[in-house]
Amino acid sequence: MKKLIVYTACLLGLMSCHMQPTNLTVDKMLEAASEVVIKAKPTDIMAIMEGEEVFTVIDVRNSREHYHGFIPGAVNIPRGSIEFNIDTESFWENEGLYMPAKEEILILYCKKGKRSTLAAQTLMQMGYKKVKVLDGGWKNWEMSYPDFCDKNLEMLAGGPAKHDDGGGC
């Protein structure tokens, strides 16, 4: 009987921990993610892109932001759907690319670096080992390498390109 009471008390204690409201904010999430995520300057990213090692550049902005300007060769996987698409073979086939290996370098960026920091932390939790975030995001890249930026002319000429952001929610 004593064991049952102790077991029940422990179970109730665990349940109450999960039901407690937290004071988690996006700033706290970013602070925690920044402690584990590797940030790389535009010059570091360019060195990787000019090197011999296999890498994939992922723009985690939404598709409308992406088509107004992006790093050449970047694949657009919005922050809200990255977990659903990163290891989905059909997504990569639709992009005309191969699915990146967990040991491959992944370079993530967004407008300023916040969404990509959270996305990088998620990918690291999923087992990707070499995830880097472009420090300062697209804005920093555009200022550092203005001649090494692409724009989707179809989008700029009159409308959004068809793009499935994927996801499951």
N, C-alpha and C. Protein backbone atom coordinates (compact mmCIF):
# COMPACT_ATOMS: atom_id res chain seq x y z
N MET A 1 0.81 -1.19 0.00
CA MET A 1 0.00 0.00 0.00
C MET A 1 0.86 1.27 0.00
N LYS A 2 1.96 1.21 0.77
CA LYS A 2 2.86 2.35 0.84
C LYS A 2 3.48 2.64 -0.53
N LYS A 3 3.85 1.59 -1.27
CA LYS A 3 4.43 1.77 -2.61
C LYS A 3 3.42 2.42 -3.55
N LEU A 4 2.17 2.04 -3.44
CA LEU A 4 1.13 2.59 -4.30
C LEU A 4 0.96 4.09 -4.02
N ILE A 5 1.01 4.48 -2.77
CA ILE A 5 0.87 5.90 -2.42
C ILE A 5 2.06 6.69 -2.95
N VAL A 6 3.27 6.16 -2.78
CA VAL A 6 4.47 6.84 -3.28
C VAL A 6 4.42 6.94 -4.80
N TYR A 7 4.05 5.86 -5.47
CA TYR A 7 3.95 5.84 -6.93
C TYR A 7 2.93 6.88 -7.41
N THR A 8 1.77 6.94 -6.75
CA THR A 8 0.73 7.89 -7.13
C THR A 8 1.21 9.32 -6.92
N ALA A 9 1.89 9.57 -5.82
CA ALA A 9 2.40 10.91 -5.54
C ALA A 9 3.42 11.34 -6.60
N CYS A 10 4.30 10.41 -6.97
CA CYS A 10 5.30 10.72 -8.01
C CYS A 10 4.61 11.01 -9.34
N LEU A 11 3.63 10.20 -9.69
CA LEU A 11 2.91 10.38 -10.94
C LEU A 11 2.20 11.73 -10.96
N LEU A 12 1.55 12.08 -9.89
CA LEU A 12 0.88 13.38 -9.82
C LEU A 12 1.88 14.53 -9.89
N GLY A 13 3.03 14.34 -9.27
CA GLY A 13 4.08 15.37 -9.34
C GLY A 13 4.56 15.58 -10.76
N LEU A 14 4.77 14.50 -11.48
CA LEU A 14 5.20 14.61 -12.88
C LEU A 14 4.14 15.28 -13.73
N MET A 15 2.90 14.91 -13.52
CA MET A 15 1.82 15.50 -14.29
C MET A 15 1.70 17.00 -14.03
N SER A 16 1.87 17.41 -12.79
CA SER A 16 1.75 18.83 -12.49
C SER A 16 2.88 19.63 -13.11
N CYS A 17 4.06 19.02 -13.26
CA CYS A 17 5.17 19.71 -13.92
C CYS A 17 4.84 20.03 -15.36
N HIS A 18 4.17 19.11 -16.03
CA HIS A 18 3.83 19.31 -17.44
C HIS A 18 2.66 20.25 -17.62
N MET A 19 1.90 20.47 -16.57
CA MET A 19 0.74 21.32 -16.68
C MET A 19 1.02 22.74 -16.22
N GLN A 20 2.20 23.00 -15.68
CA GLN A 20 2.56 24.33 -15.19
C GLN A 20 2.78 25.27 -16.38
N PRO A 21 2.22 26.46 -16.32
CA PRO A 21 2.52 27.43 -17.37
C PRO A 21 3.99 27.87 -17.26
N THR A 22 4.60 28.17 -18.39
CA THR A 22 5.99 28.61 -18.38
C THR A 22 6.05 30.07 -18.80
N ASN A 23 7.18 30.66 -18.57
CA ASN A 23 7.40 32.04 -18.99
C ASN A 23 8.25 32.09 -20.24
N LEU A 24 8.11 31.11 -21.10
CA LEU A 24 8.90 31.03 -22.31
C LEU A 24 8.46 32.10 -23.29
N THR A 25 9.42 32.84 -23.81
CA THR A 25 9.14 33.87 -24.81
C THR A 25 10.04 33.59 -26.02
N VAL A 26 9.75 34.24 -27.12
CA VAL A 26 10.58 34.06 -28.30
C VAL A 26 12.00 34.53 -28.03
N ASP A 27 12.15 35.58 -27.24
CA ASP A 27 13.50 36.06 -26.92
C ASP A 27 14.28 35.01 -26.13
N LYS A 28 13.62 34.33 -25.20
CA LYS A 28 14.28 33.28 -24.44
C LYS A 28 14.60 32.09 -25.33
N MET A 29 13.69 31.78 -26.26
CA MET A 29 13.95 30.69 -27.20
C MET A 29 15.17 31.01 -28.07
N LEU A 30 15.23 32.25 -28.55
CA LEU A 30 16.36 32.67 -29.39
C LEU A 30 17.67 32.65 -28.60
N GLU A 31 17.61 33.08 -27.36
CA GLU A 31 18.81 33.08 -26.52
C GLU A 31 19.32 31.65 -26.32
N ALA A 32 18.41 30.72 -26.05
CA ALA A 32 18.81 29.32 -25.86
C ALA A 32 19.35 28.73 -27.15
N ALA A 33 18.69 29.01 -28.27
CA ALA A 33 19.13 28.48 -29.56
C ALA A 33 20.50 29.06 -29.93
N SER A 34 20.72 30.33 -29.66
CA SER A 34 21.99 30.98 -30.00
C SER A 34 23.17 30.37 -29.26
N GLU A 35 22.91 29.74 -28.14
CA GLU A 35 23.99 29.10 -27.38
C GLU A 35 24.50 27.83 -28.05
N VAL A 36 23.70 27.21 -28.90
CA VAL A 36 24.11 25.94 -29.53
C VAL A 36 24.30 26.04 -31.04
N VAL A 37 23.76 27.09 -31.64
CA VAL A 37 23.82 27.24 -33.10
C VAL A 37 25.10 27.98 -33.49
N ILE A 38 25.71 27.55 -34.58
CA ILE A 38 26.92 28.20 -35.11
C ILE A 38 26.51 29.28 -36.10
N LYS A 39 26.93 30.51 -35.81
CA LYS A 39 26.68 31.63 -36.73
C LYS A 39 27.93 31.84 -37.57
N ALA A 40 27.73 32.10 -38.84
CA ALA A 40 28.84 32.30 -39.76
C ALA A 40 28.67 33.61 -40.52
N LYS A 41 29.75 34.34 -40.66
CA LYS A 41 29.74 35.60 -41.40
C LYS A 41 29.58 35.31 -42.89
N PRO A 42 29.12 36.29 -43.65
CA PRO A 42 29.00 36.09 -45.09
C PRO A 42 30.30 35.61 -45.75
N THR A 43 31.45 36.12 -45.30
CA THR A 43 32.73 35.67 -45.88
C THR A 43 32.97 34.18 -45.60
N ASP A 44 32.55 33.71 -44.41
CA ASP A 44 32.69 32.28 -44.07
C ASP A 44 31.78 31.43 -44.96
N ILE A 45 30.57 31.92 -45.20
CA ILE A 45 29.62 31.20 -46.05
C ILE A 45 30.14 31.15 -47.49
N MET A 46 30.65 32.27 -47.97
CA MET A 46 31.20 32.29 -49.33
C MET A 46 32.36 31.32 -49.45
N ALA A 47 33.19 31.23 -48.43
CA ALA A 47 34.32 30.29 -48.47
C ALA A 47 33.81 28.85 -48.57
N ILE A 48 32.76 28.52 -47.85
CA ILE A 48 32.17 27.18 -47.94
C ILE A 48 31.65 26.94 -49.35
N MET A 49 30.95 27.94 -49.90
CA MET A 49 30.36 27.80 -51.23
C MET A 49 31.43 27.67 -52.32
N GLU A 50 32.59 28.26 -52.10
CA GLU A 50 33.67 28.16 -53.08
C GLU A 50 34.56 26.94 -52.84
N GLY A 51 34.33 26.24 -51.74
CA GLY A 51 35.16 25.09 -51.37
C GLY A 51 34.70 23.80 -52.04
N GLU A 52 35.26 22.72 -51.57
CA GLU A 52 35.01 21.41 -52.16
C GLU A 52 33.96 20.59 -51.41
N GLU A 53 33.66 20.98 -50.16
CA GLU A 53 32.74 20.18 -49.35
C GLU A 53 31.29 20.36 -49.82
N VAL A 54 30.52 19.30 -49.72
CA VAL A 54 29.12 19.32 -50.13
C VAL A 54 28.32 20.15 -49.12
N PHE A 55 27.42 21.00 -49.61
CA PHE A 55 26.62 21.86 -48.75
C PHE A 55 25.27 22.10 -49.41
N THR A 56 24.32 22.52 -48.60
CA THR A 56 23.01 22.95 -49.09
C THR A 56 22.67 24.26 -48.40
N VAL A 57 22.22 25.24 -49.19
CA VAL A 57 21.80 26.53 -48.66
C VAL A 57 20.27 26.53 -48.61
N ILE A 58 19.73 26.86 -47.43
CA ILE A 58 18.28 26.85 -47.23
C ILE A 58 17.83 28.22 -46.76
N ASP A 59 16.91 28.80 -47.51
CA ASP A 59 16.28 30.07 -47.17
C ASP A 59 15.00 29.74 -46.41
N VAL A 60 14.91 30.10 -45.13
CA VAL A 60 13.74 29.74 -44.33
C VAL A 60 12.67 30.85 -44.31
N ARG A 61 12.85 31.87 -45.15
CA ARG A 61 11.82 32.91 -45.26
C ARG A 61 10.63 32.34 -46.02
N ASN A 62 9.51 33.05 -46.01
CA ASN A 62 8.37 32.57 -46.79
C ASN A 62 8.65 32.76 -48.28
N SER A 63 7.86 32.13 -49.11
CA SER A 63 8.15 32.12 -50.55
C SER A 63 8.11 33.51 -51.17
N ARG A 64 7.25 34.37 -50.70
CA ARG A 64 7.19 35.74 -51.25
C ARG A 64 8.49 36.49 -50.95
N GLU A 65 9.03 36.34 -49.76
CA GLU A 65 10.30 36.98 -49.41
C GLU A 65 11.43 36.40 -50.25
N HIS A 66 11.43 35.09 -50.41
CA HIS A 66 12.50 34.39 -51.14
C HIS A 66 12.60 34.88 -52.58
N TYR A 67 11.47 34.99 -53.26
CA TYR A 67 11.50 35.32 -54.68
C TYR A 67 11.88 36.77 -54.97
N HIS A 68 11.92 37.60 -53.95
CA HIS A 68 12.37 38.98 -54.15
C HIS A 68 13.89 39.09 -54.09
N GLY A 69 14.55 38.02 -53.64
CA GLY A 69 16.00 38.02 -53.62
C GLY A 69 16.50 36.89 -52.75
N PHE A 70 17.50 36.16 -53.27
CA PHE A 70 18.01 35.00 -52.54
C PHE A 70 19.44 34.69 -52.95
N ILE A 71 20.09 33.91 -52.14
CA ILE A 71 21.45 33.45 -52.46
C ILE A 71 21.33 32.43 -53.59
N PRO A 72 22.11 32.58 -54.66
CA PRO A 72 22.03 31.64 -55.77
C PRO A 72 22.20 30.19 -55.30
N GLY A 73 21.29 29.35 -55.77
CA GLY A 73 21.33 27.93 -55.42
C GLY A 73 20.57 27.58 -54.16
N ALA A 74 20.05 28.60 -53.45
CA ALA A 74 19.33 28.33 -52.20
C ALA A 74 17.98 27.69 -52.51
N VAL A 75 17.61 26.74 -51.68
CA VAL A 75 16.28 26.14 -51.75
C VAL A 75 15.43 26.80 -50.67
N ASN A 76 14.19 27.11 -51.03
CA ASN A 76 13.29 27.79 -50.10
C ASN A 76 12.46 26.76 -49.34
N ILE A 77 12.71 26.67 -48.03
CA ILE A 77 11.89 25.85 -47.14
C ILE A 77 11.50 26.75 -45.98
N PRO A 78 10.30 27.33 -46.02
CA PRO A 78 9.91 28.25 -44.96
C PRO A 78 10.01 27.63 -43.56
N ARG A 79 10.31 28.47 -42.60
CA ARG A 79 10.50 28.06 -41.20
C ARG A 79 9.38 27.17 -40.70
N GLY A 80 8.17 27.47 -41.06
CA GLY A 80 7.03 26.70 -40.58
C GLY A 80 6.90 25.31 -41.14
N SER A 81 7.66 24.98 -42.17
CA SER A 81 7.53 23.66 -42.77
C SER A 81 8.85 22.89 -42.87
N ILE A 82 9.91 23.44 -42.31
CA ILE A 82 11.23 22.81 -42.49
C ILE A 82 11.27 21.40 -41.90
N GLU A 83 10.64 21.20 -40.74
CA GLU A 83 10.67 19.88 -40.11
C GLU A 83 9.97 18.84 -40.98
N PHE A 84 8.96 19.26 -41.73
CA PHE A 84 8.18 18.35 -42.55
C PHE A 84 8.87 18.03 -43.88
N ASN A 85 9.69 18.95 -44.37
CA ASN A 85 10.28 18.78 -45.71
C ASN A 85 11.74 18.38 -45.75
N ILE A 86 12.49 18.65 -44.71
CA ILE A 86 13.94 18.45 -44.75
C ILE A 86 14.33 17.01 -45.08
N ASP A 87 13.58 16.04 -44.59
CA ASP A 87 13.94 14.66 -44.87
C ASP A 87 12.84 13.92 -45.64
N THR A 88 12.16 14.67 -46.53
CA THR A 88 11.13 14.10 -47.38
C THR A 88 11.65 14.04 -48.82
N GLU A 89 11.89 12.84 -49.28
CA GLU A 89 12.47 12.63 -50.61
C GLU A 89 11.68 13.32 -51.72
N SER A 90 10.35 13.26 -51.66
CA SER A 90 9.53 13.85 -52.72
C SER A 90 9.70 15.38 -52.78
N PHE A 91 9.88 16.02 -51.62
CA PHE A 91 10.13 17.47 -51.62
C PHE A 91 11.38 17.78 -52.43
N TRP A 92 12.46 17.05 -52.15
CA TRP A 92 13.73 17.31 -52.81
C TRP A 92 13.67 16.97 -54.29
N GLU A 93 12.92 15.92 -54.65
CA GLU A 93 12.75 15.59 -56.07
C GLU A 93 12.04 16.74 -56.79
N ASN A 94 11.01 17.31 -56.15
CA ASN A 94 10.30 18.46 -56.75
C ASN A 94 11.21 19.66 -56.93
N GLU A 95 12.20 19.82 -56.06
CA GLU A 95 13.16 20.91 -56.16
C GLU A 95 14.27 20.60 -57.17
N GLY A 96 14.33 19.35 -57.64
CA GLY A 96 15.38 18.96 -58.57
C GLY A 96 16.72 18.75 -57.87
N LEU A 97 16.68 18.44 -56.59
CA LEU A 97 17.90 18.26 -55.80
C LEU A 97 17.85 16.93 -55.06
N TYR A 98 18.98 16.55 -54.52
CA TYR A 98 19.01 15.36 -53.68
C TYR A 98 18.79 15.78 -52.24
N MET A 99 18.28 14.86 -51.45
CA MET A 99 18.03 15.13 -50.04
C MET A 99 19.36 15.18 -49.30
N PRO A 100 19.60 16.24 -48.51
CA PRO A 100 20.89 16.36 -47.83
C PRO A 100 21.07 15.28 -46.75
N ALA A 101 22.30 14.82 -46.63
CA ALA A 101 22.65 13.84 -45.60
C ALA A 101 22.80 14.55 -44.26
N LYS A 102 22.66 13.81 -43.19
CA LYS A 102 22.76 14.39 -41.84
C LYS A 102 24.16 14.94 -41.57
N GLU A 103 25.17 14.46 -42.31
CA GLU A 103 26.56 14.90 -42.09
C GLU A 103 26.95 16.06 -43.00
N GLU A 104 26.07 16.44 -43.90
CA GLU A 104 26.35 17.50 -44.86
C GLU A 104 26.19 18.88 -44.22
N ILE A 105 26.92 19.86 -44.74
CA ILE A 105 26.78 21.24 -44.25
C ILE A 105 25.45 21.81 -44.72
N LEU A 106 24.69 22.34 -43.77
CA LEU A 106 23.45 23.05 -44.09
C LEU A 106 23.65 24.49 -43.68
N ILE A 107 23.43 25.41 -44.60
CA ILE A 107 23.56 26.85 -44.35
C ILE A 107 22.15 27.42 -44.39
N LEU A 108 21.71 27.98 -43.29
CA LEU A 108 20.36 28.53 -43.20
C LEU A 108 20.41 30.04 -43.09
N TYR A 109 19.42 30.68 -43.70
CA TYR A 109 19.30 32.13 -43.52
C TYR A 109 17.84 32.55 -43.64
N CYS A 110 17.55 33.70 -43.05
CA CYS A 110 16.25 34.36 -43.16
C CYS A 110 16.55 35.84 -43.37
N LYS A 111 15.63 36.69 -43.04
CA LYS A 111 15.85 38.12 -43.28
C LYS A 111 16.96 38.69 -42.40
N LYS A 112 16.90 38.41 -41.09
CA LYS A 112 17.88 38.98 -40.16
C LYS A 112 18.63 37.94 -39.34
N GLY A 113 18.14 36.71 -39.30
CA GLY A 113 18.84 35.65 -38.58
C GLY A 113 18.07 34.99 -37.45
N LYS A 114 16.90 35.48 -37.12
CA LYS A 114 16.16 34.92 -36.00
C LYS A 114 15.45 33.61 -36.36
N ARG A 115 14.68 33.62 -37.45
CA ARG A 115 13.99 32.39 -37.85
C ARG A 115 14.97 31.29 -38.18
N SER A 116 16.07 31.66 -38.84
CA SER A 116 17.05 30.65 -39.21
C SER A 116 17.75 30.07 -37.98
N THR A 117 17.91 30.87 -36.93
CA THR A 117 18.51 30.36 -35.69
C THR A 117 17.60 29.30 -35.06
N LEU A 118 16.30 29.58 -35.01
CA LEU A 118 15.36 28.59 -34.46
C LEU A 118 15.29 27.35 -35.35
N ALA A 119 15.30 27.56 -36.66
CA ALA A 119 15.26 26.42 -37.59
C ALA A 119 16.52 25.57 -37.46
N ALA A 120 17.66 26.21 -37.29
CA ALA A 120 18.93 25.48 -37.14
C ALA A 120 18.91 24.63 -35.88
N GLN A 121 18.40 25.18 -34.81
CA GLN A 121 18.32 24.40 -33.57
C GLN A 121 17.44 23.17 -33.77
N THR A 122 16.33 23.35 -34.46
CA THR A 122 15.43 22.23 -34.74
C THR A 122 16.14 21.16 -35.57
N LEU A 123 16.86 21.58 -36.61
CA LEU A 123 17.56 20.61 -37.45
C LEU A 123 18.64 19.87 -36.67
N MET A 124 19.30 20.58 -35.77
CA MET A 124 20.29 19.92 -34.92
C MET A 124 19.63 18.88 -34.02
N GLN A 125 18.46 19.20 -33.51
CA GLN A 125 17.71 18.25 -32.69
C GLN A 125 17.28 17.04 -33.51
N MET A 126 17.10 17.25 -34.82
CA MET A 126 16.72 16.15 -35.71
C MET A 126 17.92 15.32 -36.17
N GLY A 127 19.13 15.70 -35.75
CA GLY A 127 20.31 14.91 -36.05
C GLY A 127 21.24 15.46 -37.11
N TYR A 128 20.94 16.65 -37.65
CA TYR A 128 21.85 17.25 -38.62
C TYR A 128 23.05 17.81 -37.85
N LYS A 129 24.24 17.47 -38.32
CA LYS A 129 25.44 17.70 -37.54
C LYS A 129 26.20 18.99 -37.87
N LYS A 130 26.08 19.49 -39.10
CA LYS A 130 26.85 20.65 -39.54
C LYS A 130 25.92 21.76 -40.01
N VAL A 131 25.18 22.32 -39.08
CA VAL A 131 24.22 23.37 -39.41
C VAL A 131 24.83 24.72 -39.05
N LYS A 132 24.76 25.65 -39.99
CA LYS A 132 25.28 26.99 -39.78
C LYS A 132 24.20 28.01 -40.14
N VAL A 133 24.23 29.13 -39.45
CA VAL A 133 23.29 30.21 -39.71
C VAL A 133 24.07 31.41 -40.23
N LEU A 134 23.58 32.00 -41.30
CA LEU A 134 24.18 33.22 -41.85
C LEU A 134 23.94 34.35 -40.86
N ASP A 135 24.99 34.81 -40.22
CA ASP A 135 24.90 35.88 -39.23
C ASP A 135 24.39 37.15 -39.90
N GLY A 136 23.31 37.71 -39.36
CA GLY A 136 22.73 38.92 -39.94
C GLY A 136 21.76 38.64 -41.07
N GLY A 137 21.63 37.39 -41.48
CA GLY A 137 20.64 36.99 -42.46
C GLY A 137 20.84 37.56 -43.86
N TRP A 138 19.74 37.51 -44.63
CA TRP A 138 19.76 37.95 -46.02
C TRP A 138 20.24 39.39 -46.15
N LYS A 139 19.81 40.23 -45.23
CA LYS A 139 20.20 41.65 -45.31
C LYS A 139 21.72 41.80 -45.26
N ASN A 140 22.38 41.03 -44.40
CA ASN A 140 23.83 41.08 -44.29
C ASN A 140 24.49 40.53 -45.57
N TRP A 141 23.92 39.46 -46.12
CA TRP A 141 24.46 38.88 -47.36
C TRP A 141 24.32 39.88 -48.50
N GLU A 142 23.14 40.47 -48.63
CA GLU A 142 22.88 41.41 -49.72
C GLU A 142 23.83 42.60 -49.67
N MET A 143 24.15 43.07 -48.47
CA MET A 143 25.08 44.19 -48.33
C MET A 143 26.52 43.74 -48.58
N SER A 144 26.86 42.51 -48.20
CA SER A 144 28.23 42.01 -48.35
C SER A 144 28.53 41.57 -49.78
N TYR A 145 27.55 40.97 -50.44
CA TYR A 145 27.74 40.43 -51.79
C TYR A 145 26.59 40.85 -52.71
N PRO A 146 26.47 42.14 -53.00
CA PRO A 146 25.34 42.60 -53.82
C PRO A 146 25.32 42.00 -55.23
N ASP A 147 26.47 41.60 -55.74
CA ASP A 147 26.52 41.00 -57.08
C ASP A 147 26.30 39.49 -57.05
N PHE A 148 26.15 38.92 -55.86
CA PHE A 148 25.94 37.48 -55.73
C PHE A 148 24.58 37.24 -55.08
N CYS A 149 23.55 37.81 -55.73
CA CYS A 149 22.17 37.68 -55.29
C CYS A 149 21.32 37.40 -56.52
N ASP A 150 20.32 36.55 -56.38
CA ASP A 150 19.39 36.27 -57.46
C ASP A 150 18.01 36.81 -57.09
N LYS A 151 17.24 37.10 -58.12
CA LYS A 151 15.85 37.50 -57.94
C LYS A 151 15.04 36.71 -58.96
N ASN A 152 13.83 36.34 -58.57
CA ASN A 152 12.96 35.61 -59.48
C ASN A 152 12.24 36.65 -60.33
N LEU A 153 12.64 36.78 -61.58
CA LEU A 153 12.09 37.82 -62.45
C LEU A 153 10.61 37.61 -62.73
N GLU A 154 10.17 36.35 -62.78
CA GLU A 154 8.74 36.07 -62.97
C GLU A 154 7.93 36.65 -61.83
N MET A 155 8.42 36.48 -60.64
CA MET A 155 7.73 37.00 -59.45
C MET A 155 7.68 38.52 -59.50
N LEU A 156 8.80 39.12 -59.81
CA LEU A 156 8.87 40.58 -59.82
C LEU A 156 8.05 41.18 -60.96
N ALA A 157 7.83 40.39 -62.03
CA ALA A 157 7.10 40.89 -63.19
C ALA A 157 5.59 40.85 -63.01
N GLY A 158 5.09 40.17 -61.98
CA GLY A 158 3.65 40.22 -61.89
C GLY A 158 2.97 39.20 -61.01
N GLY A 159 3.64 38.39 -60.34
CA GLY A 159 2.89 37.50 -59.47
C GLY A 159 3.73 36.44 -58.85
N PRO A 160 3.21 35.90 -57.79
CA PRO A 160 3.97 34.87 -57.07
C PRO A 160 4.05 33.58 -57.88
N ALA A 161 5.19 32.97 -57.84
CA ALA A 161 5.36 31.68 -58.46
C ALA A 161 4.63 30.65 -57.61
N LYS A 162 4.17 29.60 -58.24
CA LYS A 162 3.52 28.50 -57.49
C LYS A 162 4.59 27.84 -56.67
N HIS A 163 4.35 27.74 -55.37
CA HIS A 163 5.33 27.11 -54.49
C HIS A 163 4.58 26.46 -53.35
N ASP A 164 4.79 25.16 -53.18
CA ASP A 164 4.17 24.44 -52.09
C ASP A 164 5.07 24.51 -50.87
N ASP A 165 4.64 25.23 -49.85
CA ASP A 165 5.43 25.35 -48.64
C ASP A 165 5.40 24.07 -47.82
N GLY A 166 4.55 23.14 -48.20
CA GLY A 166 4.47 21.86 -47.50
C GLY A 166 3.99 22.03 -46.08
N GLY A 167 4.32 21.07 -45.28
CA GLY A 167 3.93 21.13 -43.89
C GLY A 167 2.89 20.10 -43.58
N GLY A 168 2.49 20.05 -42.39
CA GLY A 168 1.51 19.08 -41.98
C GLY A 168 0.58 19.68 -40.96
N CYS A 169 0.58 20.97 -40.87
CA CYS A 169 -0.27 21.59 -39.86
C CYS A 169 -0.96 22.81 -40.42
